[in-house]
Amino acid sequence: MKSEMENSLRQTLLESLLRQGFTLADGQLVPPDPSCKDNIRQLYAHLRTERLQEAGSWLLSVEGKVLPYFANGPEVDVERIRPRLELVDTKFKADLFRYASLLWSVPVSAGYGRRMRFLVFDEHNNKLIGLFALGDPVYNLRVRDQWIGWDVPEKNERLYHVMDAYVLGAVPPYSYLLGGKLVALLTASDGVRDMFRERYTRQPSVIRKVVREPHLVLLTTTSALGRSSLYNRLSVDGREIFISLGFTEGWGHFHFSNGTFEQVKTYLREMGDPVVERYKYGGGPNWRFRVVKRCLAHLGLSPDLLHHGIKREVFAVPLATNAREFLRGEEAEPVYYEASKDWLFNYFRDRWLLPRAARDQRYQTFNRESVRLSHWLNKEE
């Protein structure tokens, strides 16, 4: 019985990888060419289908309420766009955030540990421009740690002052107007930092249960599809807002989340392997990686299957002039940049929005019915 279970799971995993675009060469699985963004989208296609199917009944229950918050093209007046930043603090806002995030071809993470979600509306018409979410950063990120220059004790003490933008983007028709750049810039606004301080003042940390002064001094984010065209050269008045730190090494577990991770956990429980029960709150990515790696070892499959080959570009967004010095413990207080929402938007408006609107009028003919997810869901079924 055990060998039958192992053979079945081994076959399931290999077939899933082949469907995602991996190929067999000399008996070894080879990841698809990560330089082609369509290949990367194919890797995520099964996971996106799974996410939509899981959300099916919820999606149908909220679609009629949230869809009117997506603008039709004629409702967008480029000259009168004004962003309004709102924290997700009601059920309706949470539904709108979730619905919008399901539009992404690369499914978004749920985040780990501390989480703050934001919606960006157009003040003129009350329609959704985009969204972003901040969550606890991963513990091990080589290019970030090298850029900061901290040692392990410093990181253990001060990683608390870093957050990761694990969701970030614009929705159409604002995405045609480079709205993603506006949303990215707003992550560095004073308002976000102020809301972080309000949320976490006198709140104990998740893992160490220590109450600390909530100084948000650094954001990180990674591109979804290799080298980023959204964040590169994203500067305001000569200040580089998003600083490219390099690339991840192309290892991970997401390609084992396409309907197979639950089977992996079930198998390890049958094997009596304790790794499957060692999840700690805030440690999701590392735990999932260890679970999949242990399963591959039990099945006699190479751990190299965890190398999906997608090297995501990593960016840092310093919110203080001395962010690195503060994170290394060399300076006691951060010296924050001043970056109001209006200042960031006015620069975006002149630098990107108006020139783009003049040369690309696709936004004017956009119909929000094209983002109705129930149509896509029915097609998949």
Foldseek 3Di string as FASTA:
>chain_A
DLVVLLVVLVVVLVVLQVQLPWDADPNDTHFPDLVDLVSLLSLQQLVLLVVCVVCPVVLVVCVVPQLVLADALQLDDLVQFDKDKDKPDDPNSVSNQVLQQSLDSHRFDPAFFDKIKMWIAGPSRNHTFWIWMKHQDALDDPLVCVVLVADDVLCVVFSLLEIEGRDFATDPPNVLLLSSLLRVLCCLAPVVQVVQQVVQQVAAGDPPRHRDRRHNFKYKYWDSRADDPSQPPSAFPPHRQKAWRFWDQQFFCVSCVSPRLVSLLVSVVVVVPCLSVPDDGRNPGVSSLVSVLVSCVVSVHDNCVRRNPNIITMIMGGQFPCSSCVSNVNDVDGHGDHHHSVSSVVRCSVPGRPVSVVVDVPRNRGDSVVSSCVVVSVVVD
